[in-house]
């Protein structure tokens, strides 16, 4: 009899933790995906959700690589001011 009771209590406790995590994730998504930003691509939404939920570890960010990608996109990789930034 106690084995059945323990199993039921364990399931109830596990469900509450799982539900809280899902609700927290949807809450973050609601803050990210506002009326003005409802056309985010799935990839951008995934990245923003991951940052909102897990936080951003700046020690893993390569700022030079980000700058190179940005400058390639705007076509300014060969500009003189690029040298000043580095």
N, C-alpha and C. Protein backbone atom coordinates (compact mmCIF):
# COMPACT_ATOMS: atom_id res chain seq x y z
N UNK A 1 0.81 -1.19 0.00
CA UNK A 1 0.00 0.00 0.00
C UNK A 1 0.86 1.27 0.00
N UNK A 2 1.93 1.30 0.80
CA UNK A 2 2.78 2.49 0.86
C UNK A 2 3.56 2.70 -0.43
N UNK A 3 3.85 1.61 -1.13
CA UNK A 3 4.57 1.74 -2.40
C UNK A 3 3.73 2.50 -3.40
N UNK A 4 2.44 2.20 -3.48
CA UNK A 4 1.54 2.92 -4.39
C UNK A 4 1.44 4.39 -4.01
N UNK A 5 1.36 4.67 -2.73
CA UNK A 5 1.25 6.05 -2.24
C UNK A 5 2.52 6.84 -2.58
N UNK A 6 3.67 6.23 -2.37
CA UNK A 6 4.94 6.89 -2.67
C UNK A 6 5.04 7.19 -4.17
N UNK A 7 4.64 6.27 -5.00
CA UNK A 7 4.68 6.48 -6.44
C UNK A 7 3.78 7.62 -6.89
N UNK A 8 2.61 7.71 -6.31
CA UNK A 8 1.68 8.79 -6.67
C UNK A 8 2.21 10.15 -6.23
N UNK A 9 2.75 10.22 -5.04
CA UNK A 9 3.31 11.49 -4.55
C UNK A 9 4.50 11.90 -5.41
N UNK A 10 5.32 10.96 -5.77
CA UNK A 10 6.47 11.25 -6.63
C UNK A 10 6.04 11.81 -7.98
N UNK A 11 5.02 11.24 -8.58
CA UNK A 11 4.51 11.72 -9.87
C UNK A 11 3.93 13.12 -9.72
N UNK A 12 3.18 13.37 -8.67
CA UNK A 12 2.60 14.70 -8.46
C UNK A 12 3.68 15.76 -8.28
N UNK A 13 4.72 15.45 -7.53
CA UNK A 13 5.80 16.41 -7.34
C UNK A 13 6.57 16.65 -8.63
N UNK A 14 6.79 15.62 -9.39
CA UNK A 14 7.51 15.77 -10.66
C UNK A 14 6.69 16.58 -11.65
N UNK A 15 5.38 16.41 -11.68
CA UNK A 15 4.53 17.17 -12.59
C UNK A 15 4.55 18.66 -12.26
N UNK A 16 4.57 19.02 -11.00
CA UNK A 16 4.56 20.44 -10.64
C UNK A 16 5.86 21.12 -11.08
N UNK A 17 6.99 20.44 -10.95
CA UNK A 17 8.26 21.02 -11.38
C UNK A 17 8.29 21.15 -12.89
N UNK A 18 7.85 20.14 -13.60
CA UNK A 18 7.82 20.18 -15.06
C UNK A 18 6.88 21.25 -15.59
N UNK A 19 5.74 21.42 -14.94
CA UNK A 19 4.78 22.43 -15.35
C UNK A 19 5.34 23.83 -15.13
N UNK A 20 6.02 24.04 -14.02
CA UNK A 20 6.60 25.36 -13.74
C UNK A 20 7.64 25.74 -14.78
N UNK A 21 8.44 24.78 -15.21
CA UNK A 21 9.47 25.05 -16.21
C UNK A 21 8.84 25.44 -17.54
N UNK A 22 7.80 24.73 -17.93
CA UNK A 22 7.11 25.04 -19.19
C UNK A 22 6.44 26.40 -19.11
N UNK A 23 5.79 26.69 -18.00
CA UNK A 23 5.13 27.99 -17.84
C UNK A 23 6.14 29.13 -17.86
N UNK A 24 7.30 28.91 -17.26
CA UNK A 24 8.35 29.93 -17.27
C UNK A 24 8.85 30.17 -18.69
N UNK A 25 8.98 29.11 -19.47
CA UNK A 25 9.42 29.24 -20.86
C UNK A 25 8.41 30.02 -21.69
N UNK A 26 7.13 29.71 -21.53
CA UNK A 26 6.10 30.44 -22.27
C UNK A 26 6.02 31.90 -21.82
N UNK A 27 6.30 32.15 -20.56
CA UNK A 27 6.33 33.53 -20.08
C UNK A 27 7.45 34.32 -20.75
N UNK A 28 8.62 33.70 -20.88
CA UNK A 28 9.73 34.35 -21.59
C UNK A 28 9.37 34.57 -23.05
N UNK A 29 8.72 33.60 -23.68
CA UNK A 29 8.35 33.75 -25.07
C UNK A 29 7.35 34.88 -25.26
N UNK A 30 6.43 35.04 -24.31
CA UNK A 30 5.45 36.12 -24.39
C UNK A 30 6.14 37.48 -24.30
N UNK A 31 7.19 37.59 -23.48
CA UNK A 31 7.92 38.85 -23.37
C UNK A 31 8.73 39.14 -24.63
N UNK A 32 9.27 38.09 -25.25
CA UNK A 32 10.09 38.28 -26.46
C UNK A 32 9.21 38.56 -27.67
N UNK A 33 8.17 37.79 -27.82
CA UNK A 33 7.34 37.87 -29.02
C UNK A 33 6.15 38.79 -28.75
N UNK A 34 6.39 40.08 -28.88
CA UNK A 34 5.35 41.08 -28.67
C UNK A 34 4.61 41.31 -29.98
N UNK A 35 3.64 42.23 -29.93
CA UNK A 35 2.87 42.56 -31.12
C UNK A 35 3.76 43.16 -32.20
N UNK A 36 4.78 43.91 -31.79
CA UNK A 36 5.68 44.54 -32.74
C UNK A 36 6.72 43.57 -33.28
N UNK A 37 6.99 42.50 -32.55
CA UNK A 37 8.00 41.53 -32.99
C UNK A 37 7.38 40.16 -33.22
N UNK A 38 6.26 40.10 -33.86
CA UNK A 38 5.59 38.81 -34.05
C UNK A 38 6.04 38.11 -35.32
N UNK A 39 6.96 38.69 -36.07
CA UNK A 39 7.42 38.06 -37.32
C UNK A 39 8.85 37.53 -37.18
N UNK A 40 9.26 37.20 -35.99
CA UNK A 40 10.59 36.63 -35.79
C UNK A 40 10.67 35.26 -36.44
N UNK A 41 11.80 34.96 -37.04
CA UNK A 41 11.97 33.62 -37.58
C UNK A 41 12.15 32.64 -36.43
N UNK A 42 11.94 31.38 -36.71
CA UNK A 42 12.09 30.35 -35.67
C UNK A 42 13.50 30.33 -35.11
N UNK A 43 14.48 30.52 -35.97
CA UNK A 43 15.87 30.49 -35.52
C UNK A 43 16.16 31.65 -34.57
N UNK A 44 15.72 32.86 -34.92
CA UNK A 44 15.95 34.02 -34.04
C UNK A 44 15.19 33.87 -32.73
N UNK A 45 13.95 33.37 -32.80
CA UNK A 45 13.18 33.17 -31.58
C UNK A 45 13.85 32.13 -30.68
N UNK A 46 14.39 31.08 -31.27
CA UNK A 46 15.09 30.06 -30.48
C UNK A 46 16.30 30.65 -29.78
N UNK A 47 17.08 31.45 -30.50
CA UNK A 47 18.27 32.06 -29.89
C UNK A 47 17.89 33.03 -28.77
N UNK A 48 16.88 33.85 -29.00
CA UNK A 48 16.45 34.80 -27.97
C UNK A 48 15.87 34.10 -26.76
N UNK A 49 15.13 33.02 -26.99
CA UNK A 49 14.58 32.25 -25.87
C UNK A 49 15.70 31.61 -25.05
N UNK A 50 16.70 31.07 -25.73
CA UNK A 50 17.81 30.44 -25.02
C UNK A 50 18.56 31.46 -24.17
N UNK A 51 18.75 32.67 -24.70
CA UNK A 51 19.42 33.72 -23.93
C UNK A 51 18.56 34.13 -22.74
N UNK A 52 17.25 34.26 -22.95
CA UNK A 52 16.36 34.68 -21.86
C UNK A 52 16.28 33.63 -20.76
N UNK A 53 16.28 32.36 -21.12
CA UNK A 53 16.11 31.31 -20.12
C UNK A 53 17.43 30.95 -19.44
N UNK A 54 18.47 30.75 -20.23
CA UNK A 54 19.74 30.28 -19.68
C UNK A 54 20.71 31.40 -19.35
N UNK A 55 20.48 32.59 -19.88
CA UNK A 55 21.41 33.69 -19.69
C UNK A 55 22.48 33.67 -20.77
N UNK A 56 23.25 34.75 -20.83
CA UNK A 56 24.28 34.87 -21.85
C UNK A 56 25.64 34.81 -21.18
N UNK A 57 26.44 33.84 -21.58
CA UNK A 57 27.78 33.70 -21.04
C UNK A 57 28.74 34.45 -21.97
N UNK A 58 29.14 35.64 -21.57
CA UNK A 58 29.97 36.49 -22.44
C UNK A 58 31.38 35.96 -22.62
N UNK A 59 31.81 35.03 -21.78
CA UNK A 59 33.16 34.49 -21.95
C UNK A 59 33.24 33.59 -23.18
N UNK A 60 32.10 33.10 -23.66
CA UNK A 60 32.09 32.24 -24.84
C UNK A 60 31.87 33.02 -26.14
N UNK A 61 31.64 34.34 -26.05
CA UNK A 61 31.33 35.15 -27.22
C UNK A 61 32.62 35.64 -27.85
N UNK A 62 32.77 35.42 -29.15
CA UNK A 62 33.93 35.92 -29.89
C UNK A 62 33.50 37.20 -30.61
N UNK A 63 33.83 38.34 -30.02
CA UNK A 63 33.37 39.62 -30.55
C UNK A 63 34.01 39.95 -31.89
N UNK A 64 35.23 39.51 -32.13
CA UNK A 64 35.87 39.76 -33.42
C UNK A 64 35.14 39.02 -34.55
N UNK A 65 34.69 37.81 -34.27
CA UNK A 65 33.94 37.05 -35.28
C UNK A 65 32.60 37.73 -35.57
N UNK A 66 31.94 38.22 -34.52
CA UNK A 66 30.67 38.93 -34.70
C UNK A 66 30.88 40.18 -35.53
N UNK A 67 31.94 40.92 -35.24
CA UNK A 67 32.25 42.14 -36.00
C UNK A 67 32.54 41.81 -37.46
N UNK A 68 33.28 40.75 -37.72
CA UNK A 68 33.57 40.35 -39.10
C UNK A 68 32.29 40.00 -39.86
N UNK A 69 31.40 39.25 -39.22
CA UNK A 69 30.14 38.87 -39.87
C UNK A 69 29.31 40.11 -40.17
N UNK A 70 29.24 41.03 -39.22
CA UNK A 70 28.47 42.26 -39.42
C UNK A 70 29.04 43.09 -40.55
N UNK A 71 30.35 43.24 -40.58
CA UNK A 71 30.97 44.07 -41.61
C UNK A 71 30.85 43.42 -42.98
N UNK A 72 30.88 42.10 -43.06
CA UNK A 72 30.66 41.43 -44.35
C UNK A 72 29.24 41.65 -44.84
N UNK A 73 28.27 41.64 -43.92
CA UNK A 73 26.88 41.82 -44.32
C UNK A 73 26.62 43.22 -44.84
N UNK A 74 27.26 44.22 -44.26
CA UNK A 74 27.03 45.58 -44.74
C UNK A 74 28.00 45.96 -45.84
N UNK A 75 28.91 45.07 -46.17
CA UNK A 75 29.84 45.32 -47.26
C UNK A 75 30.92 46.32 -46.93
N UNK A 76 31.31 46.40 -45.68
CA UNK A 76 32.29 47.41 -45.27
C UNK A 76 33.54 46.77 -44.70
N UNK A 77 33.86 45.57 -45.11
CA UNK A 77 35.01 44.88 -44.54
C UNK A 77 36.32 45.55 -44.93
N UNK A 78 36.36 46.24 -46.07
CA UNK A 78 37.60 46.85 -46.52
C UNK A 78 37.70 48.33 -46.19
N UNK A 79 36.82 48.84 -45.34
CA UNK A 79 36.86 50.27 -45.00
C UNK A 79 38.01 50.57 -44.06
N UNK A 80 38.46 51.83 -44.07
CA UNK A 80 39.57 52.25 -43.20
C UNK A 80 39.19 52.24 -41.74
N UNK A 81 37.93 52.55 -41.39
CA UNK A 81 37.55 52.62 -39.99
C UNK A 81 37.53 51.24 -39.34
N UNK A 82 37.52 50.21 -40.15
CA UNK A 82 37.58 48.85 -39.62
C UNK A 82 38.89 48.62 -38.88
N UNK A 83 39.96 49.17 -39.39
CA UNK A 83 41.28 49.03 -38.76
C UNK A 83 41.29 49.76 -37.44
N UNK A 84 40.61 50.89 -37.34
CA UNK A 84 40.58 51.65 -36.10
C UNK A 84 39.85 50.87 -35.00
N UNK A 85 38.78 50.15 -35.37
CA UNK A 85 38.03 49.40 -34.37
C UNK A 85 38.83 48.27 -33.76
N UNK A 86 39.72 47.66 -34.52
CA UNK A 86 40.50 46.56 -33.99
C UNK A 86 41.66 47.08 -33.22
